[in-house]
């Protein structure tokens, strides 16, 4: 097994996942059951991650003189277990298409209509409480639960999700007397996420604080230090991603809202898993993350985006479009707002994961500078913007190849009896999702998210606003101050 594992460390083993995803369009049966294939591929990756962690146990934990590496290994195991569990649970939500026949049992809707059960509404309220609590624990684990992270996670995000749950409770009660209250709740939730949250985040996205840190008794009981500097870039950007999540969650029906809450938790577990794998790899084998491994991580996140497209109640058919969400917060249909709500509902997973893809580079990226005398040329990681450009290219390449693949097979089967029922709708989904994913990513990286995060952190730490101007003093991934979650 040791001979097999390095291919995954180097990133080339990820090509198997990508090849399976891009070649399944050669069969109409595989396209029909694409939701199950994506689920199986994600489960395969989760199982391989756990196997790799077990294989690394001797290297990481056998030596008692390296406790930081043992802590990273435990984080790897926890993240891999959470990844596999969330993959399995999210796959239990199904919506069927006609071609699947009796092999599929739908459970997204409770009946012939779009009504949700009481149990689903209760779970939606529970998710509105649990998701902010889990994000709070993640921020605390990286010592970055300060500033906007504390304010938004404890108050803004929780209130927005509870307002969304309250909207659907009123919607499912069939009480026409509460129509005005229902619309007001939806509009306030959108305003809290898109206006108050984003404007407040842009004004001050930092998740840093100055406080006392306990040290060894031999030197001094405590010293003053910058708290959160070991995740100086990742924490502010994750706050921004959760604001996008809160806005998109308003457009999901109750069952879709539960799946979308799992998508947010699943995303954080994947980012933690990627970082733990890279850290173990850096300390035991290589000094830096390779381009092929970044491509592999983009492939996995792309699979997750497509998986949650199905888990939120969609299929590659026009019949699965959820027209109902076009009236959220509106008295009647609006030719401007309703299409935007439909796009946000249909492509919510693609938008969320496209906005979050820079976290592959930014998460747990420390603001500390290494000492020039102790940093060799091989230990110097690339600048922030170099890594961001790589992951942007990888993400764009993934969706472009998938769109090109379905286009080629759709043209090849142009005389097939099922071309307009199977391949043509999938081609429309592939092209729109590819264009939208790349558009959202460019907006997130160049115009708003990454640009504002890097600029604010560098300005606060007294660095050049353009990180590439100071490549001689690279930033580090520092895991020396791991805290228990």
Protein backbone atom coordinates (compact mmCIF):
# COMPACT_ATOMS: atom_id res chain seq x y z
CA UNK A 1 0.00 0.00 0.00
CA UNK A 2 2.94 2.38 0.56
CA UNK A 3 3.75 2.20 -3.15
CA UNK A 4 0.20 3.21 -3.99
CA UNK A 5 -0.15 6.11 -1.57
CA UNK A 6 2.43 8.53 -3.03
CA UNK A 7 0.40 8.90 -6.23
CA UNK A 8 -2.33 10.49 -4.15
CA UNK A 9 0.19 12.62 -2.28
CA UNK A 10 1.55 13.97 -5.55
CA UNK A 11 -1.95 14.64 -6.84
CA UNK A 12 -1.97 12.31 -9.86
CA UNK A 13 -4.37 9.88 -8.22
CA UNK A 14 -7.03 12.60 -8.34
CA UNK A 15 -7.16 12.19 -12.12
CA UNK A 16 -9.13 8.97 -11.63
CA UNK A 17 -11.97 10.93 -10.03
CA UNK A 18 -11.91 13.55 -12.76
CA UNK A 19 -11.73 10.98 -15.56
CA UNK A 20 -14.69 9.06 -14.12
CA UNK A 21 -16.74 12.25 -13.81
CA UNK A 22 -15.98 13.55 -17.30
CA UNK A 23 -16.39 10.26 -19.19
CA UNK A 24 -19.68 9.13 -17.69
CA UNK A 25 -21.50 11.34 -20.22
CA UNK A 26 -20.74 8.65 -22.81
CA UNK A 27 -23.74 6.63 -21.55
CA UNK A 28 -27.30 7.78 -21.15
CA UNK A 29 -27.75 5.44 -18.17
CA UNK A 30 -24.78 7.00 -16.39
CA UNK A 31 -26.13 10.50 -17.05
CA UNK A 32 -29.51 9.47 -15.64
CA UNK A 33 -27.86 8.15 -12.45
CA UNK A 34 -25.27 10.91 -12.20
CA UNK A 35 -26.37 11.81 -8.67
CA UNK A 36 -25.47 8.35 -7.39
CA UNK A 37 -22.18 8.29 -9.29
CA UNK A 38 -21.09 11.61 -7.77
CA UNK A 39 -22.03 10.29 -4.33
CA UNK A 40 -19.98 7.14 -4.90
CA UNK A 41 -16.95 9.13 -6.07
CA UNK A 42 -17.06 11.37 -2.99
CA UNK A 43 -17.38 8.35 -0.71
CA UNK A 44 -14.38 6.80 -2.45
CA UNK A 45 -12.33 9.91 -1.79
CA UNK A 46 -13.40 9.96 1.87
CA UNK A 47 -12.43 6.30 2.34
CA UNK A 48 -9.06 6.83 0.64
CA UNK A 49 -8.40 9.83 2.89
CA UNK A 50 -9.00 7.75 6.00
CA UNK A 51 -6.78 4.95 4.66
CA UNK A 52 -4.01 7.45 3.95
CA UNK A 53 -4.31 8.86 7.46
CA UNK A 54 -4.02 5.39 8.98
CA UNK A 55 -0.99 4.68 6.80
CA UNK A 56 0.63 7.88 8.07
CA UNK A 57 0.03 7.03 11.72
CA UNK A 58 3.50 5.62 12.31
CA UNK A 59 5.19 8.64 10.74
CA UNK A 60 3.04 11.22 12.54
CA UNK A 61 2.35 9.73 15.96
CA UNK A 62 4.93 7.04 16.67
CA UNK A 63 7.52 9.60 17.77
CA UNK A 64 6.67 11.24 21.07
CA UNK A 65 9.02 14.19 20.39
CA UNK A 66 6.75 15.71 17.71
CA UNK A 67 3.39 16.55 19.31
CA UNK A 68 2.42 19.26 16.75
CA UNK A 69 2.52 16.72 13.91
CA UNK A 70 0.42 14.29 15.97
CA UNK A 71 -2.16 17.06 16.46
CA UNK A 72 -2.28 17.65 12.70
CA UNK A 73 -2.77 13.90 12.15
CA UNK A 74 -5.70 13.85 14.59
CA UNK A 75 -7.21 16.81 12.73
CA UNK A 76 -6.78 14.87 9.49
CA UNK A 77 -8.67 11.89 10.92
CA UNK A 78 -11.46 14.06 12.34
CA UNK A 79 -11.88 15.98 9.08
CA UNK A 80 -11.85 12.80 6.98
CA UNK A 81 -14.44 11.17 9.23
CA UNK A 82 -16.66 14.25 9.09
CA UNK A 83 -16.24 14.40 5.31
CA UNK A 84 -17.32 10.79 4.88
CA UNK A 85 -20.24 11.11 7.32
CA UNK A 86 -21.61 14.27 5.70
CA UNK A 87 -21.27 12.69 2.26
CA UNK A 88 -23.35 9.73 3.32
CA UNK A 89 -26.01 11.74 5.17
CA UNK A 90 -26.42 14.33 2.40
CA UNK A 91 -26.85 11.53 -0.13
CA UNK A 92 -29.99 10.36 1.65
CA UNK A 93 -31.97 13.31 0.23
CA UNK A 94 -33.22 12.30 -3.20
CA UNK A 95 -35.36 13.64 -5.97
CA UNK A 96 -35.99 11.32 -8.89
CA UNK A 97 -36.25 11.77 -12.61
CA UNK A 98 -38.59 9.81 -14.82
CA UNK A 99 -35.89 7.64 -16.38
CA UNK A 100 -34.79 6.26 -13.00
CA UNK A 101 -38.06 4.39 -12.64
CA UNK A 102 -38.66 2.24 -9.60
CA UNK A 103 -34.98 2.21 -8.63
CA UNK A 104 -35.36 5.66 -7.05
CA UNK A 105 -37.57 6.56 -4.09
CA UNK A 106 -37.97 10.35 -3.71
CA UNK A 107 -38.03 11.90 -0.26
CA UNK A 108 -37.31 15.58 -0.98
CA UNK A 109 -41.03 16.41 -0.99
CA UNK A 110 -43.50 14.99 1.50
CA UNK A 111 -46.26 14.43 -1.05
CA UNK A 112 -47.49 15.44 -4.43
CA UNK A 113 -47.13 19.09 -3.52
CA UNK A 114 -44.09 20.99 -2.31
CA UNK A 115 -45.09 20.93 1.36
CA UNK A 116 -42.55 20.03 4.02
CA UNK A 117 -43.27 17.88 7.03
CA UNK A 118 -43.23 19.17 10.59
CA UNK A 119 -40.10 17.14 11.28
CA UNK A 120 -38.31 18.83 8.38
CA UNK A 121 -39.22 22.29 9.68
CA UNK A 122 -37.98 21.40 13.16
CA UNK A 123 -34.72 20.14 11.70
CA UNK A 124 -34.40 23.38 9.72
CA UNK A 125 -34.63 25.38 12.96
CA UNK A 126 -32.07 23.07 14.55
CA UNK A 127 -29.72 23.55 11.59
CA UNK A 128 -30.01 27.33 12.01
CA UNK A 129 -28.61 26.89 15.53
CA UNK A 130 -26.09 24.12 14.91
CA UNK A 131 -24.32 25.54 11.83
CA UNK A 132 -23.25 28.81 13.55
CA UNK A 133 -22.17 26.82 16.60
CA UNK A 134 -19.97 24.53 14.47
CA UNK A 135 -18.45 27.50 12.67
CA UNK A 136 -17.78 29.09 16.04
CA UNK A 137 -15.84 25.98 17.11
CA UNK A 138 -13.82 26.10 13.88
CA UNK A 139 -12.89 29.74 14.45
CA UNK A 140 -11.97 29.01 18.08
CA UNK A 141 -9.83 26.08 16.92
CA UNK A 142 -7.72 28.46 14.83
CA UNK A 143 -7.68 31.18 17.54
CA UNK A 144 -9.40 33.58 15.12
CA UNK A 145 -12.79 34.03 16.79
CA UNK A 146 -12.40 37.78 17.03
CA UNK A 147 -13.78 40.88 15.39
CA UNK A 148 -16.23 40.32 12.59
CA UNK A 149 -16.07 36.54 13.03
CA UNK A 150 -17.53 36.74 16.53
CA UNK A 151 -20.17 39.34 15.64
CA UNK A 152 -21.38 37.67 12.45
CA UNK A 153 -21.27 34.04 13.61
CA UNK A 154 -22.99 34.59 16.95
CA UNK A 155 -25.58 37.08 15.75
CA UNK A 156 -25.80 37.82 12.05
CA UNK A 157 -25.62 34.30 10.65
CA UNK A 158 -27.82 32.76 13.33
CA UNK A 159 -30.51 35.44 12.94
CA UNK A 160 -30.48 35.15 9.13
CA UNK A 161 -30.91 31.37 9.25
CA UNK A 162 -33.65 31.58 11.89
CA UNK A 163 -35.48 34.14 9.77
CA UNK A 164 -35.31 31.78 6.81
CA UNK A 165 -36.68 28.93 8.92
CA UNK A 166 -39.46 31.20 10.22
CA UNK A 167 -40.40 32.13 6.65
CA UNK A 168 -40.90 28.50 5.66
CA UNK A 169 -42.82 27.70 8.85
CA UNK A 170 -45.28 30.46 7.98
CA UNK A 171 -45.30 29.42 4.33
CA UNK A 172 -46.23 25.83 5.20
CA UNK A 173 -48.94 26.89 7.67
CA UNK A 174 -51.23 28.02 4.80
CA UNK A 175 -52.33 31.05 6.77
CA UNK A 176 -53.04 33.93 4.39
CA UNK A 177 -53.25 36.36 7.31
CA UNK A 178 -49.46 36.26 7.79
CA UNK A 179 -48.47 37.03 4.20
CA UNK A 180 -47.11 40.47 5.00
CA UNK A 181 -45.08 39.14 7.96
CA UNK A 182 -43.72 36.31 5.81
CA UNK A 183 -42.53 38.70 3.11
CA UNK A 184 -41.00 41.03 5.71
CA UNK A 185 -39.02 38.16 7.26
CA UNK A 186 -37.61 37.13 3.88
CA UNK A 187 -36.67 40.67 2.90
CA UNK A 188 -35.02 41.33 6.26
CA UNK A 189 -33.03 38.10 5.97
CA UNK A 190 -31.77 39.04 2.50
CA UNK A 191 -30.91 42.54 3.70
CA UNK A 192 -29.03 41.20 6.71
CA UNK A 193 -26.92 38.88 4.57
CA UNK A 194 -26.32 40.94 1.44
CA UNK A 195 -26.32 44.50 2.77
CA UNK A 196 -25.55 44.69 6.48
CA UNK A 197 -23.23 41.69 6.54
CA UNK A 198 -21.22 42.39 3.39
CA UNK A 199 -20.94 46.14 4.04
CA UNK A 200 -19.80 45.51 7.61
CA UNK A 201 -17.34 42.86 6.46
CA UNK A 202 -15.85 45.10 3.79
CA UNK A 203 -15.37 47.94 6.26
CA UNK A 204 -13.31 45.73 8.61
CA UNK A 205 -12.82 42.05 7.68
CA UNK A 206 -10.04 41.36 10.19
CA UNK A 207 -10.37 38.52 12.70
CA UNK A 208 -7.40 39.59 14.82
CA UNK A 209 -7.08 40.75 18.42
CA UNK A 210 -4.33 41.57 20.87
CA UNK A 211 -4.36 39.56 24.07
CA UNK A 212 -2.39 37.62 26.66
CA UNK A 213 -0.92 34.24 25.68
CA UNK A 214 0.22 31.75 28.29
CA UNK A 215 3.86 30.67 28.01
CA UNK A 216 6.16 28.39 29.96
CA UNK A 217 6.59 29.38 33.63
CA UNK A 218 10.35 29.46 33.24
CA UNK A 219 10.24 32.63 31.15
CA UNK A 220 7.14 34.61 32.05
CA UNK A 221 3.55 33.71 32.92
CA UNK A 222 2.13 35.35 29.78
CA UNK A 223 3.02 37.63 26.90
CA UNK A 224 1.04 39.99 24.71
CA UNK A 225 0.54 38.64 21.19
CA UNK A 226 -1.66 39.02 18.13
CA UNK A 227 -4.40 36.40 18.41
CA UNK A 228 -5.59 34.85 15.17
CA UNK A 229 -2.41 35.58 13.19
CA UNK A 230 -1.97 31.88 12.37
CA UNK A 231 -5.19 32.05 10.31
CA UNK A 232 -5.00 35.73 9.43
CA UNK A 233 -6.13 35.30 5.82
CA UNK A 234 -8.41 32.28 6.01
CA UNK A 235 -10.74 33.40 8.81
CA UNK A 236 -11.88 36.71 7.21
CA UNK A 237 -12.50 34.98 3.91
CA UNK A 238 -14.51 32.20 5.57
CA UNK A 239 -16.70 34.87 7.19
CA UNK A 240 -17.35 36.28 3.73
CA UNK A 241 -18.23 32.81 2.41
CA UNK A 242 -20.73 32.29 5.25
CA UNK A 243 -22.45 35.54 4.26
CA UNK A 244 -22.86 34.16 0.73
CA UNK A 245 -24.16 30.95 2.28
CA UNK A 246 -26.70 32.83 4.41
CA UNK A 247 -28.06 34.66 1.35
CA UNK A 248 -28.29 31.48 -0.73
CA UNK A 249 -29.93 29.56 2.11
CA UNK A 250 -32.90 31.94 1.93
CA UNK A 251 -33.71 30.62 -1.55
CA UNK A 252 -33.79 26.93 -0.56
CA UNK A 253 -36.96 25.04 0.30
CA UNK A 254 -36.95 23.30 3.73
CA UNK A 255 -35.42 20.00 2.60
CA UNK A 256 -32.99 21.87 0.38
CA UNK A 257 -32.09 24.15 3.29
CA UNK A 258 -31.10 21.13 5.37
CA UNK A 259 -28.93 19.78 2.56
CA UNK A 260 -27.41 23.22 2.02
CA UNK A 261 -26.54 23.47 5.72
CA UNK A 262 -24.70 20.17 5.36
CA UNK A 263 -22.95 21.63 2.29
CA UNK A 264 -21.55 24.46 4.42
CA UNK A 265 -20.29 22.04 7.08
CA UNK A 266 -19.01 19.70 4.38
CA UNK A 267 -17.07 22.55 2.81
CA UNK A 268 -15.31 23.40 6.08
CA UNK A 269 -14.49 19.72 6.67
CA UNK A 270 -12.98 19.47 3.17
CA UNK A 271 -10.85 22.59 3.64
CA UNK A 272 -9.58 21.31 7.00
CA UNK A 273 -8.85 17.93 5.41
CA UNK A 274 -6.89 19.49 2.54
CA UNK A 275 -4.85 21.61 4.93
CA UNK A 276 -4.06 18.72 7.27
CA UNK A 277 -2.95 16.54 4.36
CA UNK A 278 -0.74 19.30 2.97
CA UNK A 279 0.79 19.99 6.39
CA UNK A 280 1.66 16.34 7.00
CA UNK A 281 3.06 16.11 3.49
CA UNK A 282 5.14 19.24 3.97
CA UNK A 283 6.66 18.02 7.23
CA UNK A 284 7.32 14.44 6.17
CA UNK A 285 8.00 14.45 2.44
CA UNK A 286 7.88 17.70 0.51
CA UNK A 287 8.27 21.35 1.41
CA UNK A 288 5.33 22.79 -0.46
CA UNK A 289 1.99 21.99 -2.03
CA UNK A 290 2.28 20.92 -5.66
CA UNK A 291 0.21 22.17 -8.58
CA UNK A 292 -1.19 18.69 -9.19
CA UNK A 293 -2.51 18.47 -5.61
CA UNK A 294 -4.21 21.86 -6.01
CA UNK A 295 -5.87 20.55 -9.17
CA UNK A 296 -7.00 17.45 -7.28
CA UNK A 297 -8.56 19.57 -4.54
CA UNK A 298 -10.43 21.57 -7.18
CA UNK A 299 -11.73 18.30 -8.61
CA UNK A 300 -13.05 17.20 -5.20
CA UNK A 301 -14.74 20.55 -4.53
CA UNK A 302 -16.26 20.43 -8.02
CA UNK A 303 -17.68 16.99 -7.24
CA UNK A 304 -19.12 18.37 -4.02
CA UNK A 305 -20.75 21.27 -5.86
CA UNK A 306 -22.37 18.89 -8.32
CA UNK A 307 -23.39 16.51 -5.53
CA UNK A 308 -25.19 19.23 -3.60
CA UNK A 309 -26.90 20.38 -6.78
CA UNK A 310 -28.74 17.05 -6.63
CA UNK A 311 -29.04 17.01 -2.83
CA UNK A 312 -30.90 20.35 -2.82
CA UNK A 313 -33.69 18.88 -4.93
CA UNK A 314 -32.53 19.32 -8.52
CA UNK A 315 -31.91 17.12 -11.50
CA UNK A 316 -30.62 17.77 -15.01
CA UNK A 317 -34.20 18.18 -16.20
CA UNK A 318 -36.45 21.17 -16.73
CA UNK A 319 -39.18 19.48 -14.67
CA UNK A 320 -37.06 19.71 -11.49
CA UNK A 321 -36.88 23.52 -11.53
CA UNK A 322 -38.37 24.83 -8.29
CA UNK A 323 -40.57 27.63 -9.58
CA UNK A 324 -41.97 28.25 -6.13
CA UNK A 325 -38.88 30.05 -4.89
CA UNK A 326 -39.38 32.82 -7.44
CA UNK A 327 -41.97 34.35 -5.09
CA UNK A 328 -39.89 34.43 -1.88
CA UNK A 329 -40.34 37.84 -0.28
CA UNK A 330 -42.61 39.03 -3.10
CA UNK A 331 -46.33 39.68 -3.34
CA UNK A 332 -46.33 38.78 -7.03
CA UNK A 333 -43.80 37.76 -9.64
CA UNK A 334 -41.11 40.27 -10.52
CA UNK A 335 -39.34 40.01 -13.86
CA UNK A 336 -36.14 41.24 -12.20
CA UNK A 337 -36.07 39.60 -8.77
CA UNK A 338 -37.79 36.29 -9.54
CA UNK A 339 -35.20 35.13 -12.13
CA UNK A 340 -32.41 35.99 -9.69
CA UNK A 341 -34.09 33.92 -6.99
CA UNK A 342 -34.46 31.01 -9.41
CA UNK A 343 -30.79 31.16 -10.39
CA UNK A 344 -29.72 31.36 -6.74
CA UNK A 345 -31.89 28.37 -5.87
CA UNK A 346 -30.83 26.22 -8.80
CA UNK A 347 -27.11 26.96 -8.75
CA UNK A 348 -26.65 27.61 -5.04
CA UNK A 349 -24.05 24.87 -4.59
CA UNK A 350 -22.03 26.03 -7.60
CA UNK A 351 -22.06 29.62 -6.33
CA UNK A 352 -21.08 28.62 -2.79
CA UNK A 353 -18.18 26.36 -3.75
CA UNK A 354 -16.95 28.79 -6.42
CA UNK A 355 -16.83 31.57 -3.85
CA UNK A 356 -15.08 29.28 -1.36
CA UNK A 357 -12.41 27.82 -3.65
CA UNK A 358 -9.73 30.41 -2.60
CA UNK A 359 -9.94 28.94 0.92
CA UNK A 360 -7.78 26.10 -0.41
CA UNK A 361 -4.94 28.63 -0.45
CA UNK A 362 -5.95 31.01 2.33
CA UNK A 363 -7.06 28.65 5.09
CA UNK A 364 -4.65 28.54 8.05
CA UNK A 365 -2.27 30.80 6.17
CA UNK A 366 -0.23 32.56 8.81
CA UNK A 367 0.66 36.22 8.84
CA UNK A 368 4.03 35.48 10.47
CA UNK A 369 7.26 36.09 8.59
CA UNK A 370 10.02 33.49 8.81
CA UNK A 371 13.52 34.46 9.85
CA UNK A 372 15.69 34.77 6.72
CA UNK A 373 18.53 32.83 8.34
CA UNK A 374 16.31 29.82 9.12
CA UNK A 375 14.35 29.66 5.90
CA UNK A 376 15.88 27.77 3.01
CA UNK A 377 14.90 28.30 -0.59
CA UNK A 378 12.96 25.01 -0.64
CA UNK A 379 10.95 25.98 2.43
CA UNK A 380 9.67 29.24 0.95
CA UNK A 381 6.07 28.92 -0.19
CA UNK A 382 4.75 30.88 -3.12
CA UNK A 383 3.05 34.20 -2.62
CA UNK A 384 -0.65 34.42 -1.90
CA UNK A 385 -1.63 35.64 -5.33
CA UNK A 386 0.43 32.94 -7.03
CA UNK A 387 -1.48 30.28 -5.14
CA UNK A 388 -4.80 32.00 -5.83
CA UNK A 389 -4.04 32.13 -9.55
CA UNK A 390 -3.26 28.41 -9.54
CA UNK A 391 -6.49 27.43 -7.83
CA UNK A 392 -8.49 29.79 -10.07
CA UNK A 393 -6.95 28.16 -13.13
CA UNK A 394 -7.60 24.66 -11.74
CA UNK A 395 -11.24 25.47 -10.92
CA UNK A 396 -11.82 27.00 -14.36
CA UNK A 397 -10.16 24.03 -16.04
CA UNK A 398 -12.36 21.52 -14.18
CA UNK A 399 -15.62 23.14 -15.26
CA UNK A 400 -14.40 23.86 -18.80
CA UNK A 401 -13.39 20.23 -19.37
CA UNK A 402 -16.71 18.97 -17.96
CA UNK A 403 -18.68 21.34 -20.20
CA UNK A 404 -16.58 20.38 -23.22
CA UNK A 405 -17.04 16.69 -22.45
CA UNK A 406 -20.83 16.85 -22.31
CA UNK A 407 -20.81 19.01 -25.44
CA UNK A 408 -18.77 16.42 -27.36
CA UNK A 409 -20.94 13.51 -26.27
CA UNK A 410 -24.12 15.45 -26.94
CA UNK A 411 -22.90 16.08 -30.48
CA UNK A 412 -21.85 12.44 -30.87
CA UNK A 413 -25.30 11.17 -29.83
CA UNK A 414 -27.19 13.83 -31.80
CA UNK A 415 -29.25 11.12 -33.55
CA UNK A 416 -29.93 9.16 -30.37
CA UNK A 417 -33.56 8.81 -29.33
CA UNK A 418 -32.75 10.17 -25.85
CA UNK A 419 -30.70 13.17 -26.96
CA UNK A 420 -33.36 15.77 -26.06
CA UNK A 421 -34.39 13.98 -22.88
CA UNK A 422 -30.97 13.18 -21.42
CA UNK A 423 -27.99 14.86 -23.10
CA UNK A 424 -29.48 18.21 -24.13
CA UNK A 425 -30.68 19.18 -20.61
CA UNK A 426 -27.34 18.02 -19.18
CA UNK A 427 -25.53 20.11 -21.77
CA UNK A 428 -27.53 23.17 -20.74
CA UNK A 429 -26.74 22.51 -17.08
CA UNK A 430 -23.04 21.99 -17.82
CA UNK A 431 -22.59 25.18 -19.84
CA UNK A 432 -24.54 27.42 -17.45
CA UNK A 433 -22.83 26.00 -14.35
CA UNK A 434 -19.38 26.37 -16.00
CA UNK A 435 -19.98 30.00 -16.96
CA UNK A 436 -21.56 30.89 -13.62
CA UNK A 437 -18.86 29.17 -11.56
CA UNK A 438 -16.06 30.99 -13.33
CA UNK A 439 -17.89 34.32 -13.18
CA UNK A 440 -18.50 34.01 -9.45
CA UNK A 441 -14.90 32.98 -8.88
CA UNK A 442 -13.53 35.98 -10.76
CA UNK A 443 -15.80 38.32 -8.84
CA UNK A 444 -14.88 36.66 -5.54
CA UNK A 445 -11.14 36.76 -6.13
CA UNK A 446 -10.45 39.91 -8.13
CA UNK A 447 -13.16 42.38 -7.14
CA UNK A 448 -14.25 41.57 -3.61
CA UNK A 449 -13.30 38.60 -1.45
CA UNK A 450 -9.62 37.79 -1.80
CA UNK A 451 -8.57 41.28 -2.81
CA UNK A 452 -10.19 42.83 0.25
CA UNK A 453 -8.95 40.11 2.60
CA UNK A 454 -5.32 40.27 1.49
CA UNK A 455 -5.33 44.06 1.38
CA UNK A 456 -6.80 44.44 4.87
CA UNK A 457 -4.51 41.88 6.51
CA UNK A 458 -1.37 43.19 4.82
CA UNK A 459 -2.30 46.75 5.74
CA UNK A 460 -2.91 45.80 9.38
CA UNK A 461 0.41 43.93 9.58
CA UNK A 462 2.33 46.69 7.85
CA UNK A 463 2.97 44.83 4.62
CA UNK A 464 2.77 45.92 0.97
CA UNK A 465 -0.80 45.78 -0.32
CA UNK A 466 0.43 43.72 -3.27
CA UNK A 467 1.85 40.57 -1.74
CA UNK A 468 3.97 39.83 -4.81
CA UNK A 469 6.08 42.90 -4.10
CA UNK A 470 7.49 41.12 -1.06
CA UNK A 471 8.05 37.58 -2.30
CA UNK A 472 11.49 37.50 -0.69
CA UNK A 473 9.74 37.26 2.67
CA UNK A 474 7.04 34.68 2.13
CA UNK A 475 4.16 33.86 4.39
CA UNK A 476 4.03 30.62 6.33
CA UNK A 477 1.45 28.05 7.23
CA UNK A 478 1.90 27.91 10.99
CA UNK A 479 0.31 25.15 13.05
CA UNK A 480 2.32 25.69 16.20
CA UNK A 481 -0.58 27.21 18.10
CA UNK A 482 -3.24 24.58 17.49
CA UNK A 483 -6.10 24.79 19.97
CA UNK A 484 -8.48 22.05 20.84
CA UNK A 485 -11.90 22.25 19.22
